[in-house]
Amino acid sequence: MANEAKVLLTVVTEGGILKQGEVVTKKWYLTKKDMFPGQTFKHNDGDKIIRSGKYKSRPLIAEDCLIKIKLNADAYEAMISATMPEWFHKQKEWRKISADERLRIHLARISESLNGKSFTYQIVEG
């Protein structure tokens, strides 16, 4: 039964899916200042519109990507054990931390390695 999921971890990462949004109409203008950028103009003569138009587009919207990971009971036991991992450098502090906090530290480290913005987890009983 060691291969059954004990912890379900969901990591939220950036920019997983690009999706087309609503149609947006944008207007554009071309002025004398745009045509001749190095030239100086009297008064507001450079702001005179030479050409204008509009176009329609569908902007791309970034949706978050979810990475779902199942950790078995052996991994769960290793994460909450009092045995300090080699990357944690304070033995006395590790022993004082609760089992739930040790689990959160390990899961945060997994999330960081996947460039996650945030994570949630659920412990499966049974």
N, C-alpha and C. Protein backbone atom coordinates (compact mmCIF):
# COMPACT_ATOMS: atom_id res chain seq x y z
N MET A 1 0.80 -1.20 0.00
CA MET A 1 0.00 0.00 0.00
C MET A 1 0.85 1.27 0.00
N ALA A 2 2.17 1.11 -0.06
CA ALA A 2 3.06 2.26 -0.02
C ALA A 2 2.98 3.11 -1.29
N ASN A 3 2.43 2.55 -2.38
CA ASN A 3 2.36 3.30 -3.63
C ASN A 3 1.10 4.15 -3.76
N GLU A 4 0.16 4.02 -2.82
CA GLU A 4 -1.04 4.84 -2.86
C GLU A 4 -0.69 6.27 -2.45
N ALA A 5 -1.44 7.23 -3.00
CA ALA A 5 -1.17 8.64 -2.72
C ALA A 5 -1.51 8.98 -1.27
N LYS A 6 -0.59 9.63 -0.61
CA LYS A 6 -0.80 10.08 0.76
C LYS A 6 -0.97 11.60 0.80
N VAL A 7 -0.20 12.32 -0.07
CA VAL A 7 -0.28 13.78 -0.15
C VAL A 7 -0.53 14.17 -1.60
N LEU A 8 -1.53 15.00 -1.82
CA LEU A 8 -1.82 15.54 -3.14
C LEU A 8 -1.35 16.99 -3.17
N LEU A 9 -0.33 17.27 -3.97
CA LEU A 9 0.27 18.60 -4.05
C LEU A 9 -0.12 19.24 -5.38
N THR A 10 -0.59 20.48 -5.33
CA THR A 10 -0.92 21.23 -6.54
C THR A 10 -0.08 22.50 -6.54
N VAL A 11 0.76 22.66 -7.58
CA VAL A 11 1.65 23.81 -7.70
C VAL A 11 1.12 24.70 -8.82
N VAL A 12 0.98 25.99 -8.55
CA VAL A 12 0.52 26.97 -9.54
C VAL A 12 1.75 27.65 -10.12
N THR A 13 1.93 27.53 -11.45
CA THR A 13 3.05 28.18 -12.12
C THR A 13 2.52 29.25 -13.07
N GLU A 14 3.41 30.11 -13.55
CA GLU A 14 3.01 31.20 -14.44
C GLU A 14 2.89 30.74 -15.88
N GLY A 15 1.99 31.41 -16.61
CA GLY A 15 1.93 31.32 -18.05
C GLY A 15 1.80 29.93 -18.62
N GLY A 16 0.90 29.16 -18.12
CA GLY A 16 0.74 27.82 -18.65
C GLY A 16 0.03 27.80 -19.98
N ILE A 17 -1.05 28.52 -20.12
CA ILE A 17 -1.89 28.46 -21.32
C ILE A 17 -2.16 29.87 -21.80
N LEU A 18 -2.03 30.10 -23.11
CA LEU A 18 -2.43 31.37 -23.69
C LEU A 18 -3.77 31.16 -24.38
N LYS A 19 -4.74 31.99 -24.05
CA LYS A 19 -6.09 31.85 -24.55
C LYS A 19 -6.50 33.18 -25.17
N GLN A 20 -7.25 33.13 -26.29
CA GLN A 20 -7.68 34.36 -26.93
C GLN A 20 -8.84 34.97 -26.16
N GLY A 21 -8.76 36.29 -25.95
CA GLY A 21 -9.79 37.01 -25.22
C GLY A 21 -10.83 37.60 -26.16
N GLU A 22 -11.56 38.58 -25.66
CA GLU A 22 -12.59 39.28 -26.43
C GLU A 22 -11.96 40.12 -27.53
N VAL A 23 -12.71 40.37 -28.59
CA VAL A 23 -12.23 41.21 -29.69
C VAL A 23 -12.11 42.65 -29.20
N VAL A 24 -10.95 43.27 -29.46
CA VAL A 24 -10.69 44.64 -29.04
C VAL A 24 -10.38 45.47 -30.29
N THR A 25 -11.02 46.63 -30.42
CA THR A 25 -10.74 47.54 -31.52
C THR A 25 -9.80 48.62 -31.02
N LYS A 26 -8.69 48.80 -31.73
CA LYS A 26 -7.72 49.82 -31.35
C LYS A 26 -7.56 50.82 -32.48
N LYS A 27 -7.43 52.09 -32.12
CA LYS A 27 -7.22 53.15 -33.11
C LYS A 27 -5.76 53.54 -33.12
N TRP A 28 -5.26 53.96 -34.29
CA TRP A 28 -3.89 54.41 -34.40
C TRP A 28 -3.84 55.70 -35.20
N TYR A 29 -2.80 56.50 -34.92
CA TYR A 29 -2.60 57.79 -35.59
C TYR A 29 -1.14 57.92 -35.98
N LEU A 30 -0.90 58.55 -37.11
CA LEU A 30 0.45 58.85 -37.58
C LEU A 30 0.56 60.36 -37.71
N THR A 31 1.47 60.97 -36.95
CA THR A 31 1.62 62.43 -36.95
C THR A 31 2.92 62.82 -37.66
N LYS A 32 3.09 64.14 -37.85
CA LYS A 32 4.31 64.63 -38.48
C LYS A 32 5.54 64.31 -37.62
N LYS A 33 5.37 64.35 -36.28
CA LYS A 33 6.47 64.02 -35.38
C LYS A 33 6.91 62.57 -35.59
N ASP A 34 5.96 61.68 -35.87
CA ASP A 34 6.29 60.27 -36.12
C ASP A 34 7.05 60.11 -37.43
N MET A 35 6.67 60.89 -38.46
CA MET A 35 7.28 60.77 -39.78
C MET A 35 8.69 61.38 -39.82
N PHE A 36 8.87 62.50 -39.11
CA PHE A 36 10.15 63.22 -39.11
C PHE A 36 10.59 63.46 -37.67
N PRO A 37 11.13 62.45 -36.99
CA PRO A 37 11.44 62.57 -35.56
C PRO A 37 12.54 63.56 -35.22
N GLY A 38 13.48 63.82 -36.12
CA GLY A 38 14.58 64.73 -35.81
C GLY A 38 14.25 66.18 -36.07
N GLN A 39 13.19 66.45 -36.74
CA GLN A 39 12.82 67.81 -37.13
C GLN A 39 12.08 68.52 -36.01
N THR A 40 12.29 69.84 -35.91
CA THR A 40 11.54 70.63 -34.93
C THR A 40 10.38 71.32 -35.64
N PHE A 41 9.30 71.48 -34.93
CA PHE A 41 8.08 72.05 -35.50
C PHE A 41 7.65 73.26 -34.70
N LYS A 42 6.98 74.21 -35.36
CA LYS A 42 6.45 75.38 -34.69
C LYS A 42 5.11 75.04 -34.05
N HIS A 43 4.94 75.53 -32.85
CA HIS A 43 3.69 75.36 -32.09
C HIS A 43 3.29 73.88 -32.03
N ASN A 44 2.09 73.56 -32.43
CA ASN A 44 1.60 72.18 -32.39
C ASN A 44 1.55 71.58 -33.80
N ASP A 45 2.36 72.10 -34.71
CA ASP A 45 2.35 71.63 -36.09
C ASP A 45 2.79 70.16 -36.20
N GLY A 46 3.65 69.70 -35.30
CA GLY A 46 4.13 68.31 -35.33
C GLY A 46 3.07 67.32 -34.90
N ASP A 47 2.03 67.81 -34.20
CA ASP A 47 0.96 66.92 -33.74
C ASP A 47 -0.14 66.74 -34.79
N LYS A 48 0.04 67.34 -35.95
CA LYS A 48 -0.97 67.24 -37.01
C LYS A 48 -1.03 65.78 -37.49
N ILE A 49 -2.23 65.23 -37.55
CA ILE A 49 -2.44 63.84 -37.95
C ILE A 49 -2.36 63.73 -39.47
N ILE A 50 -1.47 62.86 -39.94
CA ILE A 50 -1.31 62.64 -41.37
C ILE A 50 -2.20 61.48 -41.82
N ARG A 51 -2.22 60.43 -41.02
CA ARG A 51 -3.01 59.25 -41.37
C ARG A 51 -3.51 58.60 -40.08
N SER A 52 -4.71 58.01 -40.14
CA SER A 52 -5.26 57.32 -38.98
C SER A 52 -6.00 56.07 -39.44
N GLY A 53 -6.28 55.21 -38.50
CA GLY A 53 -7.00 53.99 -38.82
C GLY A 53 -7.33 53.23 -37.56
N LYS A 54 -7.86 52.03 -37.75
CA LYS A 54 -8.17 51.18 -36.61
C LYS A 54 -8.03 49.72 -37.03
N TYR A 55 -7.80 48.89 -36.04
CA TYR A 55 -7.69 47.45 -36.30
C TYR A 55 -8.31 46.69 -35.14
N LYS A 56 -8.71 45.46 -35.46
CA LYS A 56 -9.31 44.59 -34.44
C LYS A 56 -8.35 43.46 -34.14
N SER A 57 -8.28 43.09 -32.88
CA SER A 57 -7.41 41.98 -32.49
C SER A 57 -8.02 41.25 -31.30
N ARG A 58 -7.52 40.06 -31.08
CA ARG A 58 -7.90 39.28 -29.89
C ARG A 58 -6.64 39.14 -29.03
N PRO A 59 -6.58 39.84 -27.90
CA PRO A 59 -5.39 39.75 -27.05
C PRO A 59 -5.28 38.35 -26.43
N LEU A 60 -4.04 37.94 -26.18
CA LEU A 60 -3.80 36.65 -25.54
C LEU A 60 -3.78 36.83 -24.03
N ILE A 61 -4.49 35.98 -23.33
CA ILE A 61 -4.59 36.04 -21.88
C ILE A 61 -3.86 34.82 -21.31
N ALA A 62 -2.95 35.06 -20.38
CA ALA A 62 -2.21 33.96 -19.76
C ALA A 62 -3.00 33.40 -18.59
N GLU A 63 -3.22 32.09 -18.62
CA GLU A 63 -3.86 31.41 -17.51
C GLU A 63 -2.80 30.62 -16.75
N ASP A 64 -3.02 30.45 -15.48
CA ASP A 64 -2.06 29.70 -14.67
C ASP A 64 -2.06 28.23 -15.07
N CYS A 65 -0.92 27.63 -14.92
CA CYS A 65 -0.75 26.20 -15.17
C CYS A 65 -0.70 25.50 -13.82
N LEU A 66 -1.41 24.40 -13.71
CA LEU A 66 -1.41 23.63 -12.47
C LEU A 66 -0.62 22.35 -12.67
N ILE A 67 0.31 22.09 -11.78
CA ILE A 67 1.06 20.84 -11.79
C ILE A 67 0.59 20.06 -10.57
N LYS A 68 0.07 18.86 -10.82
CA LYS A 68 -0.45 18.04 -9.72
C LYS A 68 0.50 16.87 -9.48
N ILE A 69 0.89 16.71 -8.23
CA ILE A 69 1.86 15.67 -7.84
C ILE A 69 1.25 14.83 -6.72
N LYS A 70 1.40 13.52 -6.85
CA LYS A 70 0.96 12.61 -5.79
C LYS A 70 2.20 12.07 -5.10
N LEU A 71 2.24 12.20 -3.79
CA LEU A 71 3.36 11.68 -2.99
C LEU A 71 2.85 10.49 -2.18
N ASN A 72 3.61 9.40 -2.16
CA ASN A 72 3.17 8.21 -1.44
C ASN A 72 3.49 8.31 0.05
N ALA A 73 3.10 7.28 0.79
CA ALA A 73 3.25 7.30 2.25
C ALA A 73 4.72 7.32 2.66
N ASP A 74 5.59 6.66 1.90
CA ASP A 74 7.02 6.68 2.24
C ASP A 74 7.60 8.09 2.14
N ALA A 75 7.23 8.81 1.09
CA ALA A 75 7.70 10.19 0.93
C ALA A 75 7.15 11.07 2.05
N TYR A 76 5.89 10.86 2.41
CA TYR A 76 5.27 11.62 3.49
C TYR A 76 6.01 11.39 4.81
N GLU A 77 6.29 10.13 5.11
CA GLU A 77 7.00 9.80 6.36
C GLU A 77 8.40 10.40 6.38
N ALA A 78 9.08 10.39 5.24
CA ALA A 78 10.43 10.97 5.17
C ALA A 78 10.39 12.48 5.37
N MET A 79 9.34 13.12 4.87
CA MET A 79 9.25 14.58 4.99
C MET A 79 8.92 15.04 6.40
N ILE A 80 8.15 14.27 7.13
CA ILE A 80 7.76 14.70 8.49
C ILE A 80 8.70 14.15 9.56
N SER A 81 9.66 13.31 9.18
CA SER A 81 10.54 12.69 10.19
C SER A 81 11.46 13.73 10.83
N ALA A 82 11.99 13.37 11.98
CA ALA A 82 12.90 14.26 12.70
C ALA A 82 14.31 14.25 12.12
N THR A 83 14.57 13.36 11.16
CA THR A 83 15.87 13.32 10.50
C THR A 83 16.02 14.56 9.62
N MET A 84 17.03 15.33 9.89
CA MET A 84 17.22 16.60 9.19
C MET A 84 17.74 16.36 7.77
N PRO A 85 17.14 17.01 6.75
CA PRO A 85 17.68 16.89 5.40
C PRO A 85 19.01 17.65 5.29
N GLU A 86 19.83 17.26 4.29
CA GLU A 86 21.17 17.87 4.18
C GLU A 86 21.13 19.35 3.81
N TRP A 87 20.04 19.83 3.20
CA TRP A 87 19.97 21.23 2.79
C TRP A 87 19.52 22.14 3.93
N PHE A 88 19.03 21.57 5.02
CA PHE A 88 18.64 22.36 6.19
C PHE A 88 19.80 22.32 7.16
N HIS A 89 20.30 23.48 7.59
CA HIS A 89 21.58 23.52 8.31
C HIS A 89 21.48 23.74 9.82
N LYS A 90 20.29 23.67 10.38
CA LYS A 90 20.17 23.91 11.81
C LYS A 90 19.47 22.73 12.47
N GLN A 91 20.23 21.81 12.99
CA GLN A 91 19.73 20.56 13.57
C GLN A 91 18.73 20.80 14.70
N LYS A 92 19.05 21.69 15.62
CA LYS A 92 18.18 21.93 16.78
C LYS A 92 16.85 22.54 16.35
N GLU A 93 16.88 23.44 15.37
CA GLU A 93 15.64 24.05 14.89
C GLU A 93 14.75 23.04 14.20
N TRP A 94 15.35 22.12 13.42
CA TRP A 94 14.57 21.13 12.69
C TRP A 94 13.79 20.23 13.65
N ARG A 95 14.41 19.89 14.76
CA ARG A 95 13.74 19.02 15.73
C ARG A 95 12.60 19.74 16.45
N LYS A 96 12.70 21.05 16.58
CA LYS A 96 11.66 21.83 17.27
C LYS A 96 10.44 22.08 16.38
N ILE A 97 10.63 22.00 15.06
CA ILE A 97 9.54 22.27 14.12
C ILE A 97 8.54 21.12 14.15
N SER A 98 7.24 21.46 14.08
CA SER A 98 6.21 20.42 14.07
C SER A 98 6.24 19.63 12.76
N ALA A 99 5.63 18.47 12.77
CA ALA A 99 5.61 17.59 11.59
C ALA A 99 4.89 18.28 10.43
N ASP A 100 3.81 18.97 10.72
CA ASP A 100 3.08 19.67 9.66
C ASP A 100 3.92 20.78 9.03
N GLU A 101 4.69 21.48 9.85
CA GLU A 101 5.56 22.55 9.33
C GLU A 101 6.72 21.96 8.52
N ARG A 102 7.25 20.82 8.94
CA ARG A 102 8.30 20.16 8.16
C ARG A 102 7.77 19.77 6.78
N LEU A 103 6.55 19.26 6.75
CA LEU A 103 5.94 18.90 5.48
C LEU A 103 5.80 20.13 4.59
N ARG A 104 5.33 21.24 5.17
CA ARG A 104 5.17 22.48 4.40
C ARG A 104 6.51 22.98 3.85
N ILE A 105 7.57 22.85 4.62
CA ILE A 105 8.90 23.27 4.16
C ILE A 105 9.34 22.44 2.96
N HIS A 106 9.14 21.13 3.04
CA HIS A 106 9.49 20.25 1.92
C HIS A 106 8.65 20.57 0.68
N LEU A 107 7.35 20.77 0.86
CA LEU A 107 6.46 21.05 -0.27
C LEU A 107 6.77 22.42 -0.89
N ALA A 108 7.14 23.39 -0.05
CA ALA A 108 7.54 24.70 -0.57
C ALA A 108 8.80 24.58 -1.41
N ARG A 109 9.70 23.72 -0.98
CA ARG A 109 10.95 23.49 -1.74
C ARG A 109 10.64 22.84 -3.10
N ILE A 110 9.72 21.90 -3.12
CA ILE A 110 9.31 21.28 -4.39
C ILE A 110 8.68 22.33 -5.30
N SER A 111 7.82 23.16 -4.73
CA SER A 111 7.16 24.22 -5.50
C SER A 111 8.18 25.19 -6.09
N GLU A 112 9.16 25.60 -5.31
CA GLU A 112 10.21 26.50 -5.79
C GLU A 112 11.01 25.88 -6.93
N SER A 113 11.28 24.58 -6.84
CA SER A 113 12.06 23.92 -7.89
C SER A 113 11.28 23.86 -9.21
N LEU A 114 9.96 23.96 -9.14
CA LEU A 114 9.11 23.97 -10.34
C LEU A 114 8.75 25.39 -10.77
N ASN A 115 9.39 26.40 -10.18
CA ASN A 115 9.10 27.82 -10.43
C ASN A 115 7.64 28.16 -10.13
N GLY A 116 7.13 27.60 -9.07
CA GLY A 116 5.74 27.83 -8.68
C GLY A 116 5.54 29.15 -7.99
N LYS A 117 4.37 29.75 -8.23
CA LYS A 117 3.99 30.98 -7.54
C LYS A 117 3.40 30.66 -6.18
N SER A 118 2.64 29.57 -6.13
CA SER A 118 2.02 29.15 -4.87
C SER A 118 1.74 27.65 -4.96
N PHE A 119 1.34 27.08 -3.83
CA PHE A 119 0.99 25.67 -3.82
C PHE A 119 -0.07 25.41 -2.77
N THR A 120 -0.81 24.34 -2.98
CA THR A 120 -1.77 23.85 -2.00
C THR A 120 -1.54 22.35 -1.87
N TYR A 121 -1.93 21.80 -0.73
CA TYR A 121 -1.77 20.37 -0.55
C TYR A 121 -2.92 19.82 0.28
N GLN A 122 -3.11 18.51 0.12
CA GLN A 122 -4.15 17.82 0.87
C GLN A 122 -3.57 16.48 1.31
N ILE A 123 -3.76 16.16 2.58
CA ILE A 123 -3.30 14.89 3.11
C ILE A 123 -4.47 13.92 3.03
N VAL A 124 -4.24 12.80 2.34
CA VAL A 124 -5.28 11.79 2.17
C VAL A 124 -5.21 10.82 3.33
N GLU A 125 -6.30 10.65 4.04
CA GLU A 125 -6.35 9.74 5.19
C GLU A 125 -6.64 8.33 4.69
N GLY A 126 -6.10 7.36 5.36
CA GLY A 126 -6.44 5.98 5.03
C GLY A 126 -5.30 5.19 4.70
